[in-house]
Amino acid sequence: MSKNHGSVQITITGHKFDDSEYMIRRVRPMFEEIFQTSLKVLLVKDENTMILYAYSKRVALILHKWGMPFGRKKLSHLTPALALDEVSFIRGLF
């Protein structure tokens, strides 16, 4: 999520070829069902990058409330604020 002149951009990135089916058929519908907000698709020219994005302050505030910081993310800094049951977490991952 990045703040930009009063609006907030939410982006989900992946590999244009390897992640395309998963992002279009799984991530995009799930996001739209949860947040009632459509994600647009951007295929970056001369790169293998696919971006799903939307501008929504409402969604950004919900994600922030859930613990997602604003600005660029480093995976190592994204730790859950909740105590997780490891078995359930791993089961949900697969």
PDB file of N, CA and C in Angstrom:
ATOM      1  N   MET A   1       0.855  -1.168   0.000  1.00  0.00           N
ATOM      2  CA  MET A   1       0.000   0.000   0.000  1.00  0.00           C
ATOM      3  C   MET A   1       0.897   1.225   0.000  1.00  0.00           C
ATOM      4  N   SER A   2       0.580   2.155  -0.830  1.00  0.00           N
ATOM      5  CA  SER A   2       1.327   3.401  -0.813  1.00  0.00           C
ATOM      6  C   SER A   2       0.360   4.565  -0.940  1.00  0.00           C
ATOM      7  N   LYS A   3       0.589   5.563  -0.100  1.00  0.00           N
ATOM      8  CA  LYS A   3      -0.256   6.751  -0.124  1.00  0.00           C
ATOM      9  C   LYS A   3       0.179   7.633  -1.280  1.00  0.00           C
ATOM     10  N   ASN A   4      -0.804   8.214  -1.973  1.00  0.00           N
ATOM     11  CA  ASN A   4      -0.488   9.021  -3.139  1.00  0.00           C
ATOM     12  C   ASN A   4      -1.550  10.096  -3.309  1.00  0.00           C
ATOM     13  N   HIS A   5      -1.282  11.290  -2.838  1.00  0.00           N
ATOM     14  CA  HIS A   5      -2.174  12.432  -3.022  1.00  0.00           C
ATOM     15  C   HIS A   5      -3.608  12.153  -2.571  1.00  0.00           C
ATOM     16  N   GLY A   6      -3.778  11.656  -1.362  1.00  0.00           N
ATOM     17  CA  GLY A   6      -5.118  11.452  -0.825  1.00  0.00           C
ATOM     18  C   GLY A   6      -5.732  10.106  -1.119  1.00  0.00           C
ATOM     19  N   SER A   7      -5.235   9.402  -2.117  1.00  0.00           N
ATOM     20  CA  SER A   7      -5.734   8.054  -2.380  1.00  0.00           C
ATOM     21  C   SER A   7      -4.634   7.065  -1.990  1.00  0.00           C
ATOM     22  N   VAL A   8      -5.002   5.818  -1.882  1.00  0.00           N
ATOM     23  CA  VAL A   8      -4.026   4.805  -1.495  1.00  0.00           C
ATOM     24  C   VAL A   8      -4.047   3.691  -2.540  1.00  0.00           C
ATOM     25  N   GLN A   9      -2.882   3.381  -3.069  1.00  0.00           N
ATOM     26  CA  GLN A   9      -2.774   2.315  -4.063  1.00  0.00           C
ATOM     27  C   GLN A   9      -2.432   1.008  -3.359  1.00  0.00           C
ATOM     28  N   ILE A  10      -3.192  -0.016  -3.682  1.00  0.00           N
ATOM     29  CA  ILE A  10      -2.938  -1.355  -3.175  1.00  0.00           C
ATOM     30  C   ILE A  10      -2.442  -2.171  -4.354  1.00  0.00           C
ATOM     31  N   THR A  11      -1.281  -2.805  -4.219  1.00  0.00           N
ATOM     32  CA  THR A  11      -0.739  -3.609  -5.313  1.00  0.00           C
ATOM     33  C   THR A  11      -0.365  -5.001  -4.820  1.00  0.00           C
ATOM     34  N   ILE A  12      -0.597  -5.956  -5.688  1.00  0.00           N
ATOM     35  CA  ILE A  12      -0.182  -7.336  -5.459  1.00  0.00           C
ATOM     36  C   ILE A  12       0.601  -7.725  -6.701  1.00  0.00           C
ATOM     37  N   THR A  13       1.853  -8.099  -6.531  1.00  0.00           N
ATOM     38  CA  THR A  13       2.692  -8.395  -7.690  1.00  0.00           C
ATOM     39  C   THR A  13       3.054  -9.875  -7.742  1.00  0.00           C
ATOM     40  N   GLY A  14       3.327 -10.324  -8.950  1.00  0.00           N
ATOM     41  CA  GLY A  14       3.739 -11.705  -9.159  1.00  0.00           C
ATOM     42  C   GLY A  14       4.412 -11.843 -10.508  1.00  0.00           C
ATOM     43  N   HIS A  15       4.818 -13.054 -10.814  1.00  0.00           N
ATOM     44  CA  HIS A  15       5.461 -13.352 -12.090  1.00  0.00           C
ATOM     45  C   HIS A  15       4.387 -13.444 -13.175  1.00  0.00           C
ATOM     46  N   LYS A  16       4.637 -12.766 -14.274  1.00  0.00           N
ATOM     47  CA  LYS A  16       3.670 -12.669 -15.372  1.00  0.00           C
ATOM     48  C   LYS A  16       3.223 -14.030 -15.906  1.00  0.00           C
ATOM     49  N   PHE A  17       4.115 -14.992 -15.933  1.00  0.00           N
ATOM     50  CA  PHE A  17       3.783 -16.304 -16.484  1.00  0.00           C
ATOM     51  C   PHE A  17       3.535 -17.345 -15.392  1.00  0.00           C
ATOM     52  N   ASP A  18       4.423 -17.403 -14.419  1.00  0.00           N
ATOM     53  CA  ASP A  18       4.315 -18.430 -13.379  1.00  0.00           C
ATOM     54  C   ASP A  18       3.116 -18.222 -12.451  1.00  0.00           C
ATOM     55  N   ASP A  19       2.772 -16.979 -12.153  1.00  0.00           N
ATOM     56  CA  ASP A  19       1.722 -16.683 -11.175  1.00  0.00           C
ATOM     57  C   ASP A  19       0.409 -16.218 -11.795  1.00  0.00           C
ATOM     58  N   SER A  20       0.373 -16.067 -13.090  1.00  0.00           N
ATOM     59  CA  SER A  20      -0.781 -15.474 -13.762  1.00  0.00           C
ATOM     60  C   SER A  20      -2.100 -16.173 -13.438  1.00  0.00           C
ATOM     61  N   GLU A  21      -2.150 -17.470 -13.621  1.00  0.00           N
ATOM     62  CA  GLU A  21      -3.402 -18.195 -13.390  1.00  0.00           C
ATOM     63  C   GLU A  21      -3.843 -18.075 -11.935  1.00  0.00           C
ATOM     64  N   TYR A  22      -2.913 -18.226 -11.006  1.00  0.00           N
ATOM     65  CA  TYR A  22      -3.237 -18.132  -9.581  1.00  0.00           C
ATOM     66  C   TYR A  22      -3.749 -16.731  -9.224  1.00  0.00           C
ATOM     67  N   MET A  23      -3.069 -15.712  -9.723  1.00  0.00           N
ATOM     68  CA  MET A  23      -3.461 -14.340  -9.380  1.00  0.00           C
ATOM     69  C   MET A  23      -4.812 -13.967  -9.986  1.00  0.00           C
ATOM     70  N   ILE A  24      -5.062 -14.386 -11.225  1.00  0.00           N
ATOM     71  CA  ILE A  24      -6.311 -14.037 -11.901  1.00  0.00           C
ATOM     72  C   ILE A  24      -7.485 -14.866 -11.388  1.00  0.00           C
ATOM     73  N   ARG A  25      -7.264 -16.154 -11.208  1.00  0.00           N
ATOM     74  CA  ARG A  25      -8.381 -17.042 -10.838  1.00  0.00           C
ATOM     75  C   ARG A  25      -8.593 -17.190  -9.340  1.00  0.00           C
ATOM     76  N   ARG A  26      -7.580 -16.883  -8.542  1.00  0.00           N
ATOM     77  CA  ARG A  26      -7.705 -17.103  -7.099  1.00  0.00           C
ATOM     78  C   ARG A  26      -7.628 -15.794  -6.302  1.00  0.00           C
ATOM     79  N   VAL A  27      -6.520 -15.065  -6.456  1.00  0.00           N
ATOM     80  CA  VAL A  27      -6.291 -13.860  -5.657  1.00  0.00           C
ATOM     81  C   VAL A  27      -7.303 -12.770  -5.992  1.00  0.00           C
ATOM     82  N   ARG A  28      -7.462 -12.487  -7.281  1.00  0.00           N
ATOM     83  CA  ARG A  28      -8.357 -11.401  -7.703  1.00  0.00           C
ATOM     84  C   ARG A  28      -9.803 -11.621  -7.244  1.00  0.00           C
ATOM     85  N   PRO A  29     -10.419 -12.799  -7.485  1.00  0.00           N
ATOM     86  CA  PRO A  29     -11.793 -13.010  -7.013  1.00  0.00           C
ATOM     87  C   PRO A  29     -11.912 -12.983  -5.483  1.00  0.00           C
ATOM     88  N   MET A  30     -10.895 -13.514  -4.786  1.00  0.00           N
ATOM     89  CA  MET A  30     -10.934 -13.516  -3.326  1.00  0.00           C
ATOM     90  C   MET A  30     -10.880 -12.083  -2.788  1.00  0.00           C
ATOM     91  N   PHE A  31     -10.013 -11.263  -3.360  1.00  0.00           N
ATOM     92  CA  PHE A  31      -9.899  -9.865  -2.959  1.00  0.00           C
ATOM     93  C   PHE A  31     -11.225  -9.144  -3.198  1.00  0.00           C
ATOM     94  N   GLU A  32     -11.809  -9.360  -4.373  1.00  0.00           N
ATOM     95  CA  GLU A  32     -13.066  -8.701  -4.723  1.00  0.00           C
ATOM     96  C   GLU A  32     -14.207  -9.157  -3.823  1.00  0.00           C
ATOM     97  N   GLU A  33     -14.205 -10.425  -3.444  1.00  0.00           N
ATOM     98  CA  GLU A  33     -15.249 -10.936  -2.552  1.00  0.00           C
ATOM     99  C   GLU A  33     -15.114 -10.345  -1.148  1.00  0.00           C
ATOM    100  N   ILE A  34     -13.896 -10.264  -0.654  1.00  0.00           N
ATOM    101  CA  ILE A  34     -13.667  -9.764   0.705  1.00  0.00           C
ATOM    102  C   ILE A  34     -13.883  -8.257   0.792  1.00  0.00           C
ATOM    103  N   PHE A  35     -13.365  -7.499  -0.179  1.00  0.00           N
ATOM    104  CA  PHE A  35     -13.366  -6.041  -0.090  1.00  0.00           C
ATOM    105  C   PHE A  35     -14.366  -5.339  -1.007  1.00  0.00           C
ATOM    106  N   GLN A  36     -15.087  -6.071  -1.846  1.00  0.00           N
ATOM    107  CA  GLN A  36     -16.013  -5.486  -2.816  1.00  0.00           C
ATOM    108  C   GLN A  36     -15.323  -4.385  -3.641  1.00  0.00           C
ATOM    109  N   THR A  37     -14.094  -4.664  -4.020  1.00  0.00           N
ATOM    110  CA  THR A  37     -13.294  -3.735  -4.820  1.00  0.00           C
ATOM    111  C   THR A  37     -12.594  -4.526  -5.917  1.00  0.00           C
ATOM    112  N   SER A  38     -12.710  -4.057  -7.154  1.00  0.00           N
ATOM    113  CA  SER A  38     -12.089  -4.743  -8.290  1.00  0.00           C
ATOM    114  C   SER A  38     -10.611  -4.397  -8.395  1.00  0.00           C
ATOM    115  N   LEU A  39      -9.820  -5.385  -8.748  1.00  0.00           N
ATOM    116  CA  LEU A  39      -8.404  -5.179  -9.008  1.00  0.00           C
ATOM    117  C   LEU A  39      -8.185  -5.129 -10.512  1.00  0.00           C
ATOM    118  N   LYS A  40      -7.435  -4.138 -10.970  1.00  0.00           N
ATOM    119  CA  LYS A  40      -7.065  -4.045 -12.380  1.00  0.00           C
ATOM    120  C   LYS A  40      -5.784  -4.849 -12.582  1.00  0.00           C
ATOM    121  N   VAL A  41      -5.558  -5.279 -13.814  1.00  0.00           N
ATOM    122  CA  VAL A  41      -4.377  -6.083 -14.145  1.00  0.00           C
ATOM    123  C   VAL A  41      -3.439  -5.256 -15.010  1.00  0.00           C
ATOM    124  N   LEU A  42      -2.166  -5.261 -14.651  1.00  0.00           N
ATOM    125  CA  LEU A  42      -1.136  -4.591 -15.434  1.00  0.00           C
ATOM    126  C   LEU A  42      -0.021  -5.593 -15.708  1.00  0.00           C
ATOM    127  N   LEU A  43       0.273  -5.816 -16.990  1.00  0.00           N
ATOM    128  CA  LEU A  43       1.404  -6.651 -17.385  1.00  0.00           C
ATOM    129  C   LEU A  43       2.525  -5.706 -17.793  1.00  0.00           C
ATOM    130  N   VAL A  44       3.621  -5.740 -17.064  1.00  0.00           N
ATOM    131  CA  VAL A  44       4.706  -4.790 -17.281  1.00  0.00           C
ATOM    132  C   VAL A  44       5.503  -5.193 -18.518  1.00  0.00           C
ATOM    133  N   LYS A  45       5.588  -4.257 -19.467  1.00  0.00           N
ATOM    134  CA  LYS A  45       6.303  -4.499 -20.721  1.00  0.00           C
ATOM    135  C   LYS A  45       7.794  -4.681 -20.447  1.00  0.00           C
ATOM    136  N   ASP A  46       8.404  -5.612 -21.166  1.00  0.00           N
ATOM    137  CA  ASP A  46       9.837  -5.912 -21.065  1.00  0.00           C
ATOM    138  C   ASP A  46      10.246  -6.444 -19.691  1.00  0.00           C
ATOM    139  N   GLU A  47       9.279  -6.876 -18.894  1.00  0.00           N
ATOM    140  CA  GLU A  47       9.553  -7.511 -17.603  1.00  0.00           C
ATOM    141  C   GLU A  47       8.626  -8.706 -17.465  1.00  0.00           C
ATOM    142  N   ASN A  48       8.930  -9.576 -16.552  1.00  0.00           N
ATOM    143  CA  ASN A  48       8.075 -10.723 -16.265  1.00  0.00           C
ATOM    144  C   ASN A  48       7.192 -10.436 -15.057  1.00  0.00           C
ATOM    145  N   THR A  49       6.722  -9.212 -14.955  1.00  0.00           N
ATOM    146  CA  THR A  49       5.962  -8.777 -13.790  1.00  0.00           C
ATOM    147  C   THR A  49       4.497  -8.572 -14.129  1.00  0.00           C
ATOM    148  N   MET A  50       3.657  -9.058 -13.234  1.00  0.00           N
ATOM    149  CA  MET A  50       2.213  -8.851 -13.322  1.00  0.00           C
ATOM    150  C   MET A  50       1.796  -8.127 -12.046  1.00  0.00           C
ATOM    151  N   ILE A  51       0.971  -7.101 -12.190  1.00  0.00           N
ATOM    152  CA  ILE A  51       0.528  -6.326 -11.037  1.00  0.00           C
ATOM    153  C   ILE A  51      -0.992  -6.287 -11.013  1.00  0.00           C
ATOM    154  N   LEU A  52      -1.558  -6.648  -9.875  1.00  0.00           N
ATOM    155  CA  LEU A  52      -2.978  -6.418  -9.615  1.00  0.00           C
ATOM    156  C   LEU A  52      -3.022  -5.186  -8.733  1.00  0.00           C
ATOM    157  N   TYR A  53      -3.868  -4.202  -9.090  1.00  0.00           N
ATOM    158  CA  TYR A  53      -3.871  -2.978  -8.296  1.00  0.00           C
ATOM    159  C   TYR A  53      -5.256  -2.353  -8.225  1.00  0.00           C
ATOM    160  N   ALA A  54      -5.435  -1.554  -7.193  1.00  0.00           N
ATOM    161  CA  ALA A  54      -6.662  -0.783  -7.005  1.00  0.00           C
ATOM    162  C   ALA A  54      -6.305   0.432  -6.159  1.00  0.00           C
ATOM    163  N   TYR A  55      -7.121   1.459  -6.257  1.00  0.00           N
ATOM    164  CA  TYR A  55      -6.988   2.630  -5.403  1.00  0.00           C
ATOM    165  C   TYR A  55      -8.182   2.640  -4.463  1.00  0.00           C
ATOM    166  N   SER A  56      -7.922   2.487  -3.172  1.00  0.00           N
ATOM    167  CA  SER A  56      -9.011   2.474  -2.206  1.00  0.00           C
ATOM    168  C   SER A  56      -8.484   2.785  -0.813  1.00  0.00           C
ATOM    169  N   LYS A  57      -8.853   3.947  -0.326  1.00  0.00           N
ATOM    170  CA  LYS A  57      -8.469   4.319   1.034  1.00  0.00           C
ATOM    171  C   LYS A  57      -9.166   3.408   2.041  1.00  0.00           C
ATOM    172  N   ARG A  58     -10.413   3.042   1.761  1.00  0.00           N
ATOM    173  CA  ARG A  58     -11.192   2.188   2.664  1.00  0.00           C
ATOM    174  C   ARG A  58     -10.505   0.832   2.844  1.00  0.00           C
ATOM    175  N   VAL A  59     -10.125   0.202   1.745  1.00  0.00           N
ATOM    176  CA  VAL A  59      -9.461  -1.101   1.813  1.00  0.00           C
ATOM    177  C   VAL A  59      -8.104  -0.965   2.500  1.00  0.00           C
ATOM    178  N   ALA A  60      -7.373   0.093   2.182  1.00  0.00           N
ATOM    179  CA  ALA A  60      -6.061   0.310   2.793  1.00  0.00           C
ATOM    180  C   ALA A  60      -6.171   0.450   4.308  1.00  0.00           C
ATOM    181  N   LEU A  61      -7.186   1.147   4.771  1.00  0.00           N
ATOM    182  CA  LEU A  61      -7.363   1.314   6.216  1.00  0.00           C
ATOM    183  C   LEU A  61      -7.718  -0.011   6.887  1.00  0.00           C
ATOM    184  N   ILE A  62      -8.496  -0.837   6.213  1.00  0.00           N
ATOM    185  CA  ILE A  62      -8.813  -2.168   6.755  1.00  0.00           C
ATOM    186  C   ILE A  62      -7.536  -3.002   6.859  1.00  0.00           C
ATOM    187  N   LEU A  63      -6.752  -3.030   5.784  1.00  0.00           N
ATOM    188  CA  LEU A  63      -5.508  -3.801   5.791  1.00  0.00           C
ATOM    189  C   LEU A  63      -4.543  -3.277   6.854  1.00  0.00           C
ATOM    190  N   HIS A  64      -4.490  -1.959   7.003  1.00  0.00           N
ATOM    191  CA  HIS A  64      -3.620  -1.350   8.013  1.00  0.00           C
ATOM    192  C   HIS A  64      -4.076  -1.745   9.421  1.00  0.00           C
ATOM    193  N   LYS A  65      -5.378  -1.760   9.624  1.00  0.00           N
ATOM    194  CA  LYS A  65      -5.937  -2.175  10.920  1.00  0.00           C
ATOM    195  C   LYS A  65      -5.567  -3.629  11.218  1.00  0.00           C
ATOM    196  N   TRP A  66      -5.479  -4.448  10.182  1.00  0.00           N
ATOM    197  CA  TRP A  66      -5.108  -5.858  10.329  1.00  0.00           C
ATOM    198  C   TRP A  66      -3.600  -6.047  10.498  1.00  0.00           C
ATOM    199  N   GLY A  67      -2.835  -4.959  10.439  1.00  0.00           N
ATOM    200  CA  GLY A  67      -1.396  -5.048  10.680  1.00  0.00           C
ATOM    201  C   GLY A  67      -0.507  -4.831   9.479  1.00  0.00           C
ATOM    202  N   MET A  68      -1.070  -4.521   8.328  1.00  0.00           N
ATOM    203  CA  MET A  68      -0.275  -4.285   7.125  1.00  0.00           C
ATOM    204  C   MET A  68       0.218  -2.838   7.146  1.00  0.00           C
ATOM    205  N   PRO A  69       1.536  -2.621   7.176  1.00  0.00           N
ATOM    206  CA  PRO A  69       2.040  -1.250   7.208  1.00  0.00           C
ATOM    207  C   PRO A  69       1.887  -0.556   5.853  1.00  0.00           C
ATOM    208  N   PHE A  70       1.842   0.774   5.881  1.00  0.00           N
ATOM    209  CA  PHE A  70       1.847   1.551   4.650  1.00  0.00           C
ATOM    210  C   PHE A  70       3.271   1.559   4.095  1.00  0.00           C
ATOM    211  N   GLY A  71       3.408   1.776   2.798  1.00  0.00           N
ATOM    212  CA  GLY A  71       4.721   1.885   2.175  1.00  0.00           C
ATOM    213  C   GLY A  71       5.248   0.548   1.686  1.00  0.00           C
ATOM    214  N   ARG A  72       6.500   0.571   1.242  1.00  0.00           N
ATOM    215  CA  ARG A  72       7.141  -0.637   0.706  1.00  0.00           C
ATOM    216  C   ARG A  72       7.309  -1.668   1.814  1.00  0.00           C
ATOM    217  N   LYS A  73       7.182  -2.935   1.446  1.00  0.00           N
ATOM    218  CA  LYS A  73       7.263  -4.020   2.421  1.00  0.00           C
ATOM    219  C   LYS A  73       8.509  -4.864   2.189  1.00  0.00           C
ATOM    220  N   LYS A  74       9.063  -5.325   3.268  1.00  0.00           N
ATOM    221  CA  LYS A  74      10.088  -6.360   3.217  1.00  0.00           C
ATOM    222  C   LYS A  74       9.474  -7.565   3.890  1.00  0.00           C
ATOM    223  N   LEU A  75       9.552  -8.698   3.241  1.00  0.00           N
ATOM    224  CA  LEU A  75       8.928  -9.908   3.769  1.00  0.00           C
ATOM    225  C   LEU A  75       9.387 -10.205   5.193  1.00  0.00           C
ATOM    226  N   SER A  76      10.648  -9.928   5.492  1.00  0.00           N
ATOM    227  CA  SER A  76      11.174 -10.215   6.823  1.00  0.00           C
ATOM    228  C   SER A  76      10.522  -9.356   7.904  1.00  0.00           C
ATOM    229  N   HIS A  77       9.938  -8.220   7.520  1.00  0.00           N
ATOM    230  CA  HIS A  77       9.308  -7.327   8.500  1.00  0.00           C
ATOM    231  C   HIS A  77       7.822  -7.590   8.682  1.00  0.00           C
ATOM    232  N   LEU A  78       7.242  -8.465   7.889  1.00  0.00           N
ATOM    233  CA  LEU A  78       5.818  -8.764   7.982  1.00  0.00           C
ATOM    234  C   LEU A  78       5.606  -9.971   8.885  1.00  0.00           C
ATOM    235  N   THR A  79       5.419  -9.701  10.147  1.00  0.00           N
ATOM    236  CA  THR A  79       5.172 -10.782  11.099  1.00  0.00           C
ATOM    237  C   THR A  79       3.765 -10.643  11.646  1.00  0.00           C
ATOM    238  N   PRO A  80       3.080 -11.753  11.825  1.00  0.00           N
ATOM    239  CA  PRO A  80       1.709 -11.674  12.339  1.00  0.00           C
ATOM    240  C   PRO A  80       1.674 -11.157  13.771  1.00  0.00           C
ATOM    241  N   ALA A  81       0.679 -10.333  14.070  1.00  0.00           N
ATOM    242  CA  ALA A  81       0.509  -9.800  15.416  1.00  0.00           C
ATOM    243  C   ALA A  81      -0.223 -10.797  16.308  1.00  0.00           C
ATOM    244  N   LEU A  82      -0.813 -11.817  15.703  1.00  0.00           N
ATOM    245  CA  LEU A  82      -1.573 -12.811  16.452  1.00  0.00           C
ATOM    246  C   LEU A  82      -0.721 -14.040  16.718  1.00  0.00           C
ATOM    247  N   ALA A  83      -0.999 -14.699  17.831  1.00  0.00           N
ATOM    248  CA  ALA A  83      -0.356 -15.985  18.091  1.00  0.00           C
ATOM    249  C   ALA A  83      -0.992 -17.008  17.159  1.00  0.00           C
ATOM    250  N   LEU A  84      -0.175 -17.746  16.453  1.00  0.00           N
ATOM    251  CA  LEU A  84      -0.689 -18.699  15.473  1.00  0.00           C
ATOM    252  C   LEU A  84      -0.541 -20.127  15.976  1.00  0.00           C
ATOM    253  N   ASP A  85      -1.524 -20.934  15.707  1.00  0.00           N
ATOM    254  CA  ASP A  85      -1.421 -22.373  15.915  1.00  0.00           C
ATOM    255  C   ASP A  85      -0.671 -22.902  14.697  1.00  0.00           C
ATOM    256  N   GLU A  86       0.565 -23.344  14.896  1.00  0.00           N
ATOM    257  CA  GLU A  86       1.429 -23.703  13.775  1.00  0.00           C
ATOM    258  C   GLU A  86       0.824 -24.763  12.860  1.00  0.00           C
ATOM    259  N   VAL A  87       0.188 -25.773  13.430  1.00  0.00           N
ATOM    260  CA  VAL A  87      -0.391 -26.841  12.622  1.00  0.00           C
ATOM    261  C   VAL A  87      -1.503 -26.291  11.734  1.00  0.00           C
ATOM    262  N   SER A  88      -2.390 -25.486  12.307  1.00  0.00           N
ATOM    263  CA  SER A  88      -3.485 -24.900  11.524  1.00  0.00           C
ATOM    264  C   SER A  88      -2.950 -23.948  10.467  1.00  0.00           C
ATOM    265  N   PHE A  89      -1.921 -23.195  10.819  1.00  0.00           N
ATOM    266  CA  PHE A  89      -1.341 -22.250   9.875  1.00  0.00           C
ATOM    267  C   PHE A  89      -0.756 -22.983   8.676  1.00  0.00           C
ATOM    268  N   ILE A  90       0.026 -24.016   8.938  1.00  0.00           N
ATOM    269  CA  ILE A  90       0.646 -24.775   7.850  1.00  0.00           C
ATOM    270  C   ILE A  90      -0.421 -25.470   7.012  1.00  0.00           C
ATOM    271  N   ARG A  91      -1.446 -26.007   7.657  1.00  0.00           N
ATOM    272  CA  ARG A  91      -2.535 -26.649   6.919  1.00  0.00           C
ATOM    273  C   ARG A  91      -3.227 -25.640   5.998  1.00  0.00           C
ATOM    274  N   GLY A  92      -3.462 -24.434   6.474  1.00  0.00           N
ATOM    275  CA  GLY A  92      -4.103 -23.400   5.671  1.00  0.00           C
ATOM    276  C   GLY A  92      -3.234 -22.920   4.529  1.00  0.00           C
ATOM    277  N   LEU A  93      -1.939 -23.049   4.697  1.00  0.00           N
ATOM    278  CA  LEU A  93      -1.001 -22.625   3.668  1.00  0.00           C
ATOM    279  C   LEU A  93      -1.083 -23.519   2.443  1.00  0.00           C
ATOM    280  N   PHE A  94      -1.402 -24.795   2.652  1.00  0.00           N
ATOM    281  CA  PHE A  94      -1.476 -25.750   1.556  1.00  0.00           C
ATOM    282  C   PHE A  94      -2.899 -26.130   1.298  1.00  0.00           C
TER     283      PHE A  94
END
